[in-house]
Amino acid sequence: MAAYVELVSVGKRFGEKEVVVDLSFRLAPASIGCLLGPSGCGKTTVLRLIAGFEAVSSGEILLNGQLVSRPGHSVPPERRQVGMVFQDYALFPHLTVEGNVAFGLHRWPARERAARVRELLALVGLEGHARAYPHELSGGQQQRVALARALAPKPELLLLDEPFSNLDVELRERLGLELRQILKQEGMTAILVTHDQQEAFAMADEIGVMHAGRLQ
């Protein structure tokens, strides 16, 4: 089966420091991959390379068979069909839940945009919170808003950077299982990075263990 995400001998240096070293892996469409490893092992940098926020120092990244990154060539993030959920949620405090979720849909017709927002709030279990502001929500609810916002424009690939690290263990486990169901329901390809082994095993179809910038 063709891979949706393919990294071929990818490396990333910041000055003299090699953060990612000769990294290669493939992930099939509609599957959930996980990079598991301690802080500082390079896993968040890998997500940023795939999203296009950083340029590769060596190697190639292909998404759906299209070359998006190699040294001297980088397709901009907004043309990669990638959604990202950050560790700190990165919600817009001045926008309501509805406004946050609709943020990436400004080019959609108003009726379709409103329907997509309603559909996603139902999907993440926040139907009654459309008019609330982020500061009025719990951590778990904020995380769901961040997820709904990332899913809204129907990205081909979802990247999740330690999405549950700010939540308590019980909530983390529950949200992890719920998120897996949502991704499977949407038929979405996703890559999660985490240092939490339980989270990795609960959510992912495939797990790669990273250490010092390399896949072990």
N, C-alpha and C. Protein backbone atom coordinates (compact mmCIF):
# COMPACT_ATOMS: atom_id res chain seq x y z
N MET A 1 0.84 -1.20 0.00
CA MET A 1 0.00 0.00 0.00
C MET A 1 0.88 1.26 0.00
N ALA A 2 0.50 2.26 -0.77
CA ALA A 2 1.28 3.50 -0.82
C ALA A 2 1.24 4.18 0.56
N ALA A 3 2.37 4.77 0.94
CA ALA A 3 2.42 5.48 2.22
C ALA A 3 1.79 6.86 2.04
N TYR A 4 1.13 7.37 3.09
CA TYR A 4 0.69 8.76 3.03
C TYR A 4 1.83 9.69 3.44
N VAL A 5 2.55 9.28 4.49
CA VAL A 5 3.70 10.06 4.96
C VAL A 5 4.95 9.22 4.73
N GLU A 6 5.96 9.81 4.13
CA GLU A 6 7.23 9.08 3.97
C GLU A 6 8.39 10.03 4.23
N LEU A 7 9.25 9.64 5.17
CA LEU A 7 10.49 10.37 5.43
C LEU A 7 11.65 9.50 4.97
N VAL A 8 12.56 10.10 4.19
CA VAL A 8 13.70 9.36 3.65
C VAL A 8 14.99 10.02 4.12
N SER A 9 15.69 9.36 5.04
CA SER A 9 16.99 9.84 5.55
C SER A 9 16.97 11.32 5.94
N VAL A 10 15.95 11.70 6.69
CA VAL A 10 15.79 13.12 7.05
C VAL A 10 16.74 13.50 8.19
N GLY A 11 17.41 14.62 8.03
CA GLY A 11 18.26 15.16 9.08
C GLY A 11 17.94 16.63 9.32
N LYS A 12 18.15 17.09 10.55
CA LYS A 12 17.96 18.51 10.87
C LYS A 12 19.05 18.95 11.83
N ARG A 13 19.76 20.02 11.42
CA ARG A 13 20.79 20.61 12.28
C ARG A 13 20.41 22.03 12.63
N PHE A 14 20.66 22.42 13.87
CA PHE A 14 20.59 23.82 14.27
C PHE A 14 22.02 24.22 14.61
N GLY A 15 22.68 24.93 13.71
CA GLY A 15 24.11 25.21 13.90
C GLY A 15 24.89 23.91 13.86
N GLU A 16 25.66 23.66 14.93
CA GLU A 16 26.47 22.42 15.00
C GLU A 16 25.65 21.24 15.54
N LYS A 17 24.52 21.54 16.13
CA LYS A 17 23.76 20.49 16.84
C LYS A 17 22.85 19.72 15.89
N GLU A 18 23.06 18.42 15.84
CA GLU A 18 22.18 17.54 15.05
C GLU A 18 21.00 17.12 15.92
N VAL A 19 19.80 17.54 15.53
CA VAL A 19 18.61 17.27 16.34
C VAL A 19 17.87 16.03 15.82
N VAL A 20 17.88 15.87 14.50
CA VAL A 20 17.28 14.69 13.86
C VAL A 20 18.35 14.09 12.95
N VAL A 21 18.55 12.76 13.07
CA VAL A 21 19.66 12.10 12.37
C VAL A 21 19.15 10.94 11.51
N ASP A 22 19.29 11.09 10.19
CA ASP A 22 19.04 9.98 9.25
C ASP A 22 17.74 9.22 9.57
N LEU A 23 16.65 9.97 9.64
CA LEU A 23 15.36 9.40 10.07
C LEU A 23 14.54 8.98 8.85
N SER A 24 14.13 7.72 8.83
CA SER A 24 13.28 7.22 7.75
C SER A 24 12.12 6.44 8.34
N PHE A 25 10.90 6.73 7.88
CA PHE A 25 9.75 5.87 8.20
C PHE A 25 8.63 6.15 7.20
N ARG A 26 7.68 5.22 7.15
CA ARG A 26 6.50 5.37 6.28
C ARG A 26 5.27 5.12 7.11
N LEU A 27 4.19 5.83 6.79
CA LEU A 27 2.92 5.64 7.49
C LEU A 27 1.82 5.55 6.46
N ALA A 28 1.02 4.47 6.54
CA ALA A 28 -0.05 4.23 5.57
C ALA A 28 -1.20 5.21 5.78
N PRO A 29 -1.99 5.48 4.74
CA PRO A 29 -3.16 6.35 4.89
C PRO A 29 -4.12 5.81 5.95
N ALA A 30 -4.78 6.72 6.66
CA ALA A 30 -5.80 6.41 7.67
C ALA A 30 -5.25 5.61 8.85
N SER A 31 -3.93 5.67 9.05
CA SER A 31 -3.39 5.01 10.26
C SER A 31 -2.80 6.07 11.19
N ILE A 32 -2.64 5.67 12.45
CA ILE A 32 -2.14 6.58 13.49
C ILE A 32 -0.75 6.11 13.90
N GLY A 33 0.23 6.95 13.65
CA GLY A 33 1.60 6.63 14.04
C GLY A 33 1.97 7.43 15.28
N CYS A 34 2.95 6.92 16.02
CA CYS A 34 3.39 7.63 17.22
C CYS A 34 4.91 7.62 17.29
N LEU A 35 5.50 8.79 17.58
CA LEU A 35 6.92 8.87 17.92
C LEU A 35 6.99 9.01 19.43
N LEU A 36 7.60 8.02 20.05
CA LEU A 36 7.66 7.93 21.51
C LEU A 36 9.10 8.14 21.96
N GLY A 37 9.28 9.03 22.93
CA GLY A 37 10.64 9.24 23.42
C GLY A 37 10.68 10.36 24.44
N PRO A 38 11.82 10.50 25.14
CA PRO A 38 11.93 11.51 26.20
C PRO A 38 12.02 12.92 25.62
N SER A 39 11.85 13.93 26.48
CA SER A 39 12.01 15.32 26.06
C SER A 39 13.39 15.51 25.45
N GLY A 40 13.46 16.30 24.39
CA GLY A 40 14.75 16.62 23.79
C GLY A 40 15.27 15.57 22.82
N CYS A 41 14.45 14.55 22.48
CA CYS A 41 14.96 13.50 21.57
C CYS A 41 14.72 13.86 20.10
N GLY A 42 14.05 15.00 19.84
CA GLY A 42 13.86 15.44 18.45
C GLY A 42 12.48 15.19 17.88
N LYS A 43 11.58 14.62 18.70
CA LYS A 43 10.28 14.21 18.12
C LYS A 43 9.41 15.41 17.70
N THR A 44 9.40 16.49 18.48
CA THR A 44 8.61 17.67 18.08
C THR A 44 9.21 18.31 16.83
N THR A 45 10.54 18.30 16.71
CA THR A 45 11.19 18.83 15.50
C THR A 45 10.73 18.05 14.27
N VAL A 46 10.57 16.75 14.40
CA VAL A 46 10.09 15.93 13.27
C VAL A 46 8.71 16.41 12.82
N LEU A 47 7.82 16.67 13.79
CA LEU A 47 6.49 17.19 13.44
C LEU A 47 6.61 18.52 12.71
N ARG A 48 7.48 19.39 13.20
CA ARG A 48 7.63 20.72 12.59
C ARG A 48 8.20 20.62 11.17
N LEU A 49 9.04 19.62 10.94
CA LEU A 49 9.58 19.38 9.59
C LEU A 49 8.47 18.90 8.66
N ILE A 50 7.63 17.99 9.16
CA ILE A 50 6.53 17.45 8.33
C ILE A 50 5.52 18.56 8.02
N ALA A 51 5.25 19.42 9.02
CA ALA A 51 4.28 20.52 8.83
C ALA A 51 4.82 21.61 7.92
N GLY A 52 6.16 21.70 7.80
CA GLY A 52 6.76 22.75 6.98
C GLY A 52 7.16 23.99 7.76
N PHE A 53 7.11 23.91 9.11
CA PHE A 53 7.53 25.05 9.94
C PHE A 53 9.05 25.14 10.01
N GLU A 54 9.74 24.03 9.74
CA GLU A 54 11.21 24.01 9.69
C GLU A 54 11.62 23.38 8.37
N ALA A 55 12.79 23.76 7.86
CA ALA A 55 13.32 23.16 6.62
C ALA A 55 14.27 22.01 6.98
N VAL A 56 14.25 20.95 6.18
CA VAL A 56 15.17 19.83 6.43
C VAL A 56 16.60 20.24 6.07
N SER A 57 17.58 19.67 6.79
CA SER A 57 18.99 19.89 6.45
C SER A 57 19.45 18.84 5.43
N SER A 58 18.81 17.66 5.48
CA SER A 58 19.13 16.60 4.52
C SER A 58 17.92 15.67 4.40
N GLY A 59 17.89 14.89 3.33
CA GLY A 59 16.81 13.93 3.13
C GLY A 59 15.58 14.54 2.48
N GLU A 60 14.51 13.75 2.44
CA GLU A 60 13.28 14.16 1.76
C GLU A 60 12.05 13.78 2.58
N ILE A 61 11.00 14.61 2.46
CA ILE A 61 9.69 14.27 3.04
C ILE A 61 8.67 14.27 1.91
N LEU A 62 7.89 13.19 1.82
CA LEU A 62 6.82 13.08 0.83
C LEU A 62 5.49 12.94 1.56
N LEU A 63 4.48 13.66 1.07
CA LEU A 63 3.12 13.53 1.59
C LEU A 63 2.23 13.12 0.42
N ASN A 64 1.57 11.99 0.57
CA ASN A 64 0.70 11.47 -0.49
C ASN A 64 1.43 11.37 -1.83
N GLY A 65 2.71 10.96 -1.75
CA GLY A 65 3.50 10.76 -2.97
C GLY A 65 4.12 12.02 -3.54
N GLN A 66 3.80 13.20 -2.96
CA GLN A 66 4.35 14.47 -3.45
C GLN A 66 5.53 14.89 -2.58
N LEU A 67 6.62 15.28 -3.23
CA LEU A 67 7.78 15.76 -2.50
C LEU A 67 7.47 17.15 -1.92
N VAL A 68 7.50 17.27 -0.59
CA VAL A 68 7.20 18.58 0.03
C VAL A 68 8.44 19.23 0.66
N SER A 69 9.47 18.42 0.97
CA SER A 69 10.69 18.97 1.59
C SER A 69 11.92 18.23 1.11
N ARG A 70 12.92 19.01 0.73
CA ARG A 70 14.30 18.53 0.59
C ARG A 70 15.15 19.78 0.71
N PRO A 71 16.46 19.66 0.92
CA PRO A 71 17.26 20.88 1.06
C PRO A 71 17.07 21.80 -0.16
N GLY A 72 16.73 23.06 0.11
CA GLY A 72 16.52 24.02 -0.98
C GLY A 72 15.12 24.01 -1.57
N HIS A 73 14.25 23.13 -1.09
CA HIS A 73 12.88 23.08 -1.62
C HIS A 73 11.92 22.77 -0.47
N SER A 74 10.95 23.65 -0.27
CA SER A 74 9.98 23.42 0.79
C SER A 74 8.62 23.97 0.40
N VAL A 75 7.62 23.09 0.31
CA VAL A 75 6.25 23.52 0.05
C VAL A 75 5.74 24.22 1.31
N PRO A 76 5.14 25.43 1.20
CA PRO A 76 4.73 26.15 2.41
C PRO A 76 3.66 25.38 3.21
N PRO A 77 3.64 25.59 4.55
CA PRO A 77 2.73 24.83 5.41
C PRO A 77 1.27 24.86 4.94
N GLU A 78 0.80 26.04 4.50
CA GLU A 78 -0.63 26.15 4.15
C GLU A 78 -0.99 25.36 2.89
N ARG A 79 0.02 24.87 2.17
CA ARG A 79 -0.27 24.06 0.98
C ARG A 79 -0.03 22.57 1.20
N ARG A 80 0.18 22.20 2.46
CA ARG A 80 0.49 20.79 2.75
C ARG A 80 -0.70 19.96 3.22
N GLN A 81 -1.86 20.59 3.44
CA GLN A 81 -3.04 19.85 3.89
C GLN A 81 -2.80 19.16 5.23
N VAL A 82 -2.11 19.90 6.13
CA VAL A 82 -1.74 19.33 7.43
C VAL A 82 -2.38 20.17 8.53
N GLY A 83 -2.97 19.51 9.53
CA GLY A 83 -3.49 20.20 10.71
C GLY A 83 -2.58 19.87 11.90
N MET A 84 -2.45 20.82 12.83
CA MET A 84 -1.56 20.57 13.98
C MET A 84 -2.24 20.96 15.28
N VAL A 85 -2.11 20.07 16.27
CA VAL A 85 -2.61 20.36 17.63
C VAL A 85 -1.38 20.50 18.53
N PHE A 86 -1.25 21.68 19.14
CA PHE A 86 -0.05 21.99 19.93
C PHE A 86 -0.24 21.59 21.40
N GLN A 87 0.88 21.45 22.07
CA GLN A 87 0.90 21.07 23.48
C GLN A 87 0.13 22.06 24.36
N ASP A 88 0.24 23.36 24.03
CA ASP A 88 -0.41 24.38 24.87
C ASP A 88 -1.76 24.82 24.28
N TYR A 89 -2.31 24.03 23.35
CA TYR A 89 -3.62 24.26 22.70
C TYR A 89 -3.61 25.46 21.74
N ALA A 90 -2.89 26.55 22.10
CA ALA A 90 -2.78 27.73 21.23
C ALA A 90 -4.13 28.24 20.75
N LEU A 91 -5.12 28.27 21.63
CA LEU A 91 -6.43 28.83 21.27
C LEU A 91 -6.37 30.35 21.27
N PHE A 92 -7.26 30.98 20.51
CA PHE A 92 -7.32 32.45 20.48
C PHE A 92 -8.22 32.91 21.61
N PRO A 93 -7.68 33.60 22.63
CA PRO A 93 -8.47 33.92 23.82
C PRO A 93 -9.64 34.86 23.54
N HIS A 94 -9.51 35.71 22.48
CA HIS A 94 -10.55 36.70 22.18
C HIS A 94 -11.68 36.13 21.33
N LEU A 95 -11.53 34.86 20.89
CA LEU A 95 -12.58 34.24 20.07
C LEU A 95 -13.35 33.21 20.90
N THR A 96 -14.64 33.08 20.61
CA THR A 96 -15.44 32.03 21.26
C THR A 96 -14.99 30.67 20.75
N VAL A 97 -15.54 29.62 21.36
CA VAL A 97 -15.28 28.25 20.90
C VAL A 97 -15.62 28.13 19.41
N GLU A 98 -16.79 28.64 19.06
CA GLU A 98 -17.26 28.63 17.67
C GLU A 98 -16.26 29.35 16.76
N GLY A 99 -15.81 30.53 17.21
CA GLY A 99 -14.87 31.33 16.43
C GLY A 99 -13.53 30.63 16.26
N ASN A 100 -13.05 29.97 17.32
CA ASN A 100 -11.80 29.21 17.24
C ASN A 100 -11.90 28.07 16.22
N VAL A 101 -13.01 27.32 16.29
CA VAL A 101 -13.16 26.17 15.40
C VAL A 101 -13.30 26.61 13.95
N ALA A 102 -13.97 27.76 13.74
CA ALA A 102 -14.21 28.25 12.37
C ALA A 102 -13.00 28.98 11.80
N PHE A 103 -11.95 29.16 12.60
CA PHE A 103 -10.84 30.04 12.21
C PHE A 103 -10.24 29.70 10.84
N GLY A 104 -10.04 28.41 10.57
CA GLY A 104 -9.40 28.02 9.31
C GLY A 104 -10.36 27.88 8.14
N LEU A 105 -11.62 28.29 8.35
CA LEU A 105 -12.66 28.08 7.33
C LEU A 105 -13.13 29.39 6.70
N HIS A 106 -12.30 30.44 6.78
CA HIS A 106 -12.78 31.76 6.33
C HIS A 106 -13.14 31.79 4.84
N ARG A 107 -12.60 30.83 4.06
CA ARG A 107 -12.93 30.83 2.62
C ARG A 107 -14.19 30.02 2.32
N TRP A 108 -14.72 29.33 3.33
CA TRP A 108 -15.93 28.51 3.11
C TRP A 108 -17.16 29.41 3.09
N PRO A 109 -18.19 29.05 2.31
CA PRO A 109 -19.47 29.78 2.39
C PRO A 109 -20.03 29.69 3.82
N ALA A 110 -20.70 30.77 4.25
CA ALA A 110 -21.15 30.89 5.65
C ALA A 110 -21.97 29.69 6.12
N ARG A 111 -22.88 29.21 5.27
CA ARG A 111 -23.75 28.10 5.69
C ARG A 111 -22.94 26.82 5.91
N GLU A 112 -22.02 26.53 4.98
CA GLU A 112 -21.18 25.32 5.11
C GLU A 112 -20.27 25.43 6.33
N ARG A 113 -19.77 26.65 6.55
CA ARG A 113 -18.88 26.87 7.70
C ARG A 113 -19.63 26.60 9.00
N ALA A 114 -20.83 27.14 9.12
CA ALA A 114 -21.64 26.94 10.34
C ALA A 114 -21.97 25.46 10.54
N ALA A 115 -22.26 24.76 9.45
CA ALA A 115 -22.60 23.33 9.53
C ALA A 115 -21.39 22.52 9.98
N ARG A 116 -20.20 22.86 9.45
CA ARG A 116 -18.98 22.14 9.81
C ARG A 116 -18.66 22.36 11.30
N VAL A 117 -18.82 23.59 11.78
CA VAL A 117 -18.56 23.90 13.19
C VAL A 117 -19.51 23.09 14.08
N ARG A 118 -20.79 23.06 13.72
CA ARG A 118 -21.78 22.29 14.51
C ARG A 118 -21.42 20.80 14.53
N GLU A 119 -21.04 20.29 13.37
CA GLU A 119 -20.68 18.86 13.24
C GLU A 119 -19.49 18.52 14.15
N LEU A 120 -18.49 19.41 14.16
CA LEU A 120 -17.28 19.14 14.95
C LEU A 120 -17.52 19.29 16.44
N LEU A 121 -18.31 20.28 16.83
CA LEU A 121 -18.60 20.44 18.26
C LEU A 121 -19.36 19.23 18.78
N ALA A 122 -20.24 18.65 17.94
CA ALA A 122 -20.94 17.42 18.32
C ALA A 122 -19.94 16.27 18.42
N LEU A 123 -19.02 16.20 17.47
CA LEU A 123 -18.03 15.12 17.42
C LEU A 123 -17.15 15.11 18.67
N VAL A 124 -16.76 16.31 19.14
CA VAL A 124 -15.87 16.37 20.32
C VAL A 124 -16.66 16.59 21.62
N GLY A 125 -17.99 16.53 21.54
CA GLY A 125 -18.81 16.59 22.76
C GLY A 125 -18.90 17.96 23.40
N LEU A 126 -18.92 19.02 22.58
CA LEU A 126 -18.99 20.38 23.12
C LEU A 126 -20.16 21.18 22.54
N GLU A 127 -21.25 20.48 22.19
CA GLU A 127 -22.37 21.16 21.53
C GLU A 127 -22.85 22.40 22.28
N GLY A 128 -22.92 22.33 23.61
CA GLY A 128 -23.49 23.43 24.39
C GLY A 128 -22.52 24.57 24.66
N HIS A 129 -21.30 24.52 24.11
CA HIS A 129 -20.27 25.48 24.50
C HIS A 129 -19.85 26.43 23.39
N ALA A 130 -20.64 26.50 22.31
CA ALA A 130 -20.23 27.29 21.14
C ALA A 130 -19.91 28.75 21.48
N ARG A 131 -20.67 29.33 22.44
CA ARG A 131 -20.51 30.76 22.74
C ARG A 131 -19.54 31.03 23.89
N ALA A 132 -19.00 29.98 24.47
CA ALA A 132 -18.05 30.16 25.59
C ALA A 132 -16.69 30.63 25.07
N TYR A 133 -15.93 31.24 25.97
CA TYR A 133 -14.55 31.64 25.64
C TYR A 133 -13.58 30.64 26.27
N PRO A 134 -12.36 30.50 25.70
CA PRO A 134 -11.42 29.50 26.20
C PRO A 134 -11.21 29.53 27.72
N HIS A 135 -11.13 30.77 28.31
CA HIS A 135 -10.83 30.84 29.75
C HIS A 135 -11.98 30.28 30.61
N GLU A 136 -13.14 30.10 30.00
CA GLU A 136 -14.29 29.56 30.75
C GLU A 136 -14.34 28.03 30.70
N LEU A 137 -13.40 27.42 30.00
CA LEU A 137 -13.41 25.96 29.81
C LEU A 137 -12.35 25.28 30.66
N SER A 138 -12.56 24.00 30.93
CA SER A 138 -11.54 23.19 31.61
C SER A 138 -10.43 22.84 30.61
N GLY A 139 -9.33 22.32 31.12
CA GLY A 139 -8.22 21.90 30.25
C GLY A 139 -8.64 20.88 29.21
N GLY A 140 -9.44 19.90 29.64
CA GLY A 140 -9.91 18.87 28.72
C GLY A 140 -10.79 19.45 27.63
N GLN A 141 -11.63 20.41 28.00
CA GLN A 141 -12.51 21.05 27.01
C GLN A 141 -11.70 21.91 26.02
N GLN A 142 -10.68 22.61 26.54
CA GLN A 142 -9.82 23.40 25.66
C GLN A 142 -9.11 22.50 24.65
N GLN A 143 -8.69 21.33 25.13
CA GLN A 143 -8.01 20.38 24.24
C GLN A 143 -8.94 19.92 23.12
N ARG A 144 -10.23 19.73 23.46
CA ARG A 144 -11.20 19.31 22.44
C ARG A 144 -11.44 20.41 21.41
N VAL A 145 -11.44 21.67 21.88
CA VAL A 145 -11.60 22.80 20.95
C VAL A 145 -10.41 22.83 19.98
N ALA A 146 -9.20 22.65 20.54
CA ALA A 146 -7.99 22.65 19.69
C ALA A 146 -8.06 21.54 18.65
N LEU A 147 -8.57 20.39 19.06
CA LEU A 147 -8.71 19.27 18.13
C LEU A 147 -9.73 19.59 17.04
N ALA A 148 -10.90 20.13 17.46
CA ALA A 148 -11.95 20.48 16.49
C ALA A 148 -11.43 21.52 15.50
N ARG A 149 -10.67 22.49 16.00
CA ARG A 149 -10.13 23.53 15.10
C ARG A 149 -9.17 22.92 14.07
N ALA A 150 -8.34 21.97 14.52
CA ALA A 150 -7.39 21.34 13.60
C ALA A 150 -8.10 20.47 12.56
N LEU A 151 -9.21 19.84 12.97
CA LEU A 151 -9.95 18.96 12.05
C LEU A 151 -10.82 19.73 11.07
N ALA A 152 -11.19 20.99 11.44
CA ALA A 152 -12.21 21.74 10.69
C ALA A 152 -11.95 21.82 9.18
N PRO A 153 -10.74 22.21 8.73
CA PRO A 153 -10.54 22.35 7.27
C PRO A 153 -10.35 21.00 6.56
N LYS A 154 -10.60 19.89 7.26
CA LYS A 154 -10.46 18.53 6.69
C LYS A 154 -9.04 18.29 6.17
N PRO A 155 -8.03 18.42 7.05
CA PRO A 155 -6.66 18.17 6.60
C PRO A 155 -6.49 16.69 6.23
N GLU A 156 -5.50 16.43 5.39
CA GLU A 156 -5.20 15.04 5.02
C GLU A 156 -4.42 14.35 6.14
N LEU A 157 -3.70 15.17 6.92
CA LEU A 157 -2.82 14.64 7.96
C LEU A 157 -2.96 15.50 9.20
N LEU A 158 -3.05 14.85 10.36
CA LEU A 158 -3.13 15.57 11.62
C LEU A 158 -1.89 15.27 12.45
N LEU A 159 -1.22 16.32 12.93
CA LEU A 159 -0.03 16.17 13.77
C LEU A 159 -0.38 16.61 15.18
N LEU A 160 -0.03 15.79 16.16
CA LEU A 160 -0.40 16.05 17.56
C LEU A 160 0.85 16.09 18.42
N ASP A 161 1.17 17.26 18.95
CA ASP A 161 2.40 17.43 19.73
C ASP A 161 2.09 17.34 21.22
N GLU A 162 2.33 16.17 21.82
CA GLU A 162 2.08 15.95 23.25
C GLU A 162 0.71 16.54 23.66
N PRO A 163 -0.36 16.15 22.98
CA PRO A 163 -1.62 16.90 23.15
C PRO A 163 -2.25 16.80 24.52
N PHE A 164 -1.88 15.78 25.31
CA PHE A 164 -2.55 15.60 26.60
C PHE A 164 -1.62 15.84 27.79
N SER A 165 -0.43 16.40 27.53
CA SER A 165 0.56 16.47 28.61
C SER A 165 0.14 17.38 29.76
N ASN A 166 -0.79 18.32 29.51
CA ASN A 166 -1.21 19.23 30.59
C ASN A 166 -2.41 18.71 31.38
N LEU A 167 -2.85 17.50 31.07
CA LEU A 167 -4.07 16.97 31.71
C LEU A 167 -3.72 15.87 32.71
N ASP A 168 -4.64 15.62 33.65
CA ASP A 168 -4.36 14.55 34.61
C ASP A 168 -4.51 13.17 33.94
N VAL A 169 -3.98 12.16 34.60
CA VAL A 169 -3.83 10.83 33.99
C VAL A 169 -5.16 10.25 33.52
N GLU A 170 -6.16 10.34 34.37
CA GLU A 170 -7.46 9.74 34.04
C GLU A 170 -8.08 10.39 32.79
N LEU A 171 -8.03 11.72 32.77
CA LEU A 171 -8.59 12.46 31.64
C LEU A 171 -7.78 12.19 30.37
N ARG A 172 -6.47 12.05 30.55
CA ARG A 172 -5.57 11.78 29.42
C ARG A 172 -5.94 10.47 28.75
N GLU A 173 -6.18 9.45 29.57
CA GLU A 173 -6.51 8.13 29.02
C GLU A 173 -7.85 8.18 28.29
N ARG A 174 -8.83 8.84 28.91
CA ARG A 174 -10.16 8.89 28.31
C ARG A 174 -10.12 9.66 26.98
N LEU A 175 -9.45 10.82 26.99
CA LEU A 175 -9.39 11.62 25.77
C LEU A 175 -8.60 10.91 24.67
N GLY A 176 -7.57 10.17 25.07
CA GLY A 176 -6.77 9.42 24.09
C GLY A 176 -7.62 8.42 23.33
N LEU A 177 -8.45 7.68 24.06
CA LEU A 177 -9.32 6.68 23.42
C LEU A 177 -10.38 7.37 22.56
N GLU A 178 -10.93 8.48 23.08
CA GLU A 178 -11.93 9.23 22.30
C GLU A 178 -11.32 9.77 21.01
N LEU A 179 -10.11 10.31 21.13
CA LEU A 179 -9.45 10.88 19.97
C LEU A 179 -9.17 9.80 18.92
N ARG A 180 -8.75 8.62 19.38
CA ARG A 180 -8.53 7.52 18.44
C ARG A 180 -9.82 7.20 17.67
N GLN A 181 -10.94 7.15 18.39
CA GLN A 181 -12.24 6.87 17.75
C GLN A 181 -12.59 7.94 16.71
N ILE A 182 -12.36 9.21 17.09
CA ILE A 182 -12.67 10.33 16.19
C ILE A 182 -11.84 10.24 14.92
N LEU A 183 -10.53 9.97 15.08
CA LEU A 183 -9.64 9.89 13.91
C LEU A 183 -10.03 8.74 12.99
N LYS A 184 -10.40 7.61 13.60
CA LYS A 184 -10.81 6.44 12.81
C LYS A 184 -12.12 6.73 12.07
N GLN A 185 -13.03 7.41 12.78
CA GLN A 185 -14.32 7.78 12.20
C GLN A 185 -14.14 8.71 10.99
N GLU A 186 -13.18 9.64 11.12
CA GLU A 186 -12.92 10.60 10.03
C GLU A 186 -11.98 10.02 8.97
N GLY A 187 -11.45 8.81 9.21
CA GLY A 187 -10.54 8.16 8.26
C GLY A 187 -9.26 8.95 8.06
N MET A 188 -8.75 9.52 9.15
CA MET A 188 -7.64 10.45 9.05
C MET A 188 -6.29 9.80 9.38
N THR A 189 -5.27 10.23 8.66
CA THR A 189 -3.89 9.83 8.96
C THR A 189 -3.38 10.79 10.04
N ALA A 190 -2.69 10.27 11.06
CA ALA A 190 -2.24 11.14 12.15
C ALA A 190 -0.90 10.67 12.69
N ILE A 191 -0.12 11.63 13.19
CA ILE A 191 1.13 11.31 13.90
C ILE A 191 1.09 12.04 15.24
N LEU A 192 1.28 11.26 16.29
CA LEU A 192 1.27 11.75 17.67
C LEU A 192 2.71 11.69 18.19
N VAL A 193 3.16 12.71 18.90
CA VAL A 193 4.41 12.56 19.63
C VAL A 193 4.12 12.64 21.13
N THR A 194 4.76 11.76 21.88
CA THR A 194 4.52 11.71 23.32
C THR A 194 5.72 11.06 24.02
N HIS A 195 5.85 11.33 25.34
CA HIS A 195 6.84 10.61 26.14
C HIS A 195 6.13 9.57 27.00
N ASP A 196 4.80 9.48 26.84
CA ASP A 196 3.97 8.63 27.70
C ASP A 196 3.67 7.31 26.98
N GLN A 197 4.26 6.23 27.49
CA GLN A 197 4.14 4.93 26.85
C GLN A 197 2.68 4.46 26.77
N GLN A 198 1.93 4.66 27.87
CA GLN A 198 0.53 4.22 27.89
C GLN A 198 -0.29 4.92 26.81
N GLU A 199 -0.06 6.23 26.69
CA GLU A 199 -0.76 7.03 25.68
C GLU A 199 -0.45 6.50 24.28
N ALA A 200 0.82 6.19 24.05
CA ALA A 200 1.24 5.68 22.74
C ALA A 200 0.52 4.37 22.42
N PHE A 201 0.50 3.44 23.39
CA PHE A 201 -0.11 2.14 23.13
C PHE A 201 -1.63 2.23 23.02
N ALA A 202 -2.23 3.18 23.74
CA ALA A 202 -3.70 3.33 23.67
C ALA A 202 -4.15 3.90 22.32
N MET A 203 -3.33 4.77 21.74
CA MET A 203 -3.79 5.51 20.56
C MET A 203 -3.27 5.02 19.23
N ALA A 204 -2.03 4.55 19.20
CA ALA A 204 -1.37 4.39 17.90
C ALA A 204 -1.52 2.99 17.30
N ASP A 205 -1.48 2.96 15.95
CA ASP A 205 -1.40 1.69 15.23
C ASP A 205 0.07 1.25 15.13
N GLU A 206 0.95 2.24 14.98
CA GLU A 206 2.39 1.94 14.86
C GLU A 206 3.17 2.91 15.74
N ILE A 207 4.21 2.41 16.39
CA ILE A 207 5.00 3.24 17.30
C ILE A 207 6.47 3.16 16.92
N GLY A 208 7.12 4.33 16.83
CA GLY A 208 8.56 4.39 16.63
C GLY A 208 9.19 5.00 17.86
N VAL A 209 10.17 4.34 18.43
CA VAL A 209 10.85 4.85 19.64
C VAL A 209 12.04 5.70 19.20
N MET A 210 12.06 6.95 19.67
CA MET A 210 13.15 7.85 19.32
C MET A 210 14.09 8.10 20.48
N HIS A 211 15.38 8.22 20.16
CA HIS A 211 16.39 8.56 21.17
C HIS A 211 17.49 9.35 20.47
N ALA A 212 17.81 10.52 21.02
CA ALA A 212 18.89 11.36 20.50
C ALA A 212 18.79 11.58 18.99
N GLY A 213 17.57 11.88 18.53
CA GLY A 213 17.38 12.24 17.13
C GLY A 213 17.26 11.08 16.16
N ARG A 214 17.38 9.87 16.69
CA ARG A 214 17.30 8.68 15.81
C ARG A 214 16.12 7.81 16.17
N LEU A 215 15.63 7.08 15.18
CA LEU A 215 14.61 6.07 15.40
C LEU A 215 15.34 4.81 15.83
N GLN A 216 14.98 4.30 17.01
CA GLN A 216 15.71 3.13 17.54
C GLN A 216 15.28 1.85 16.86
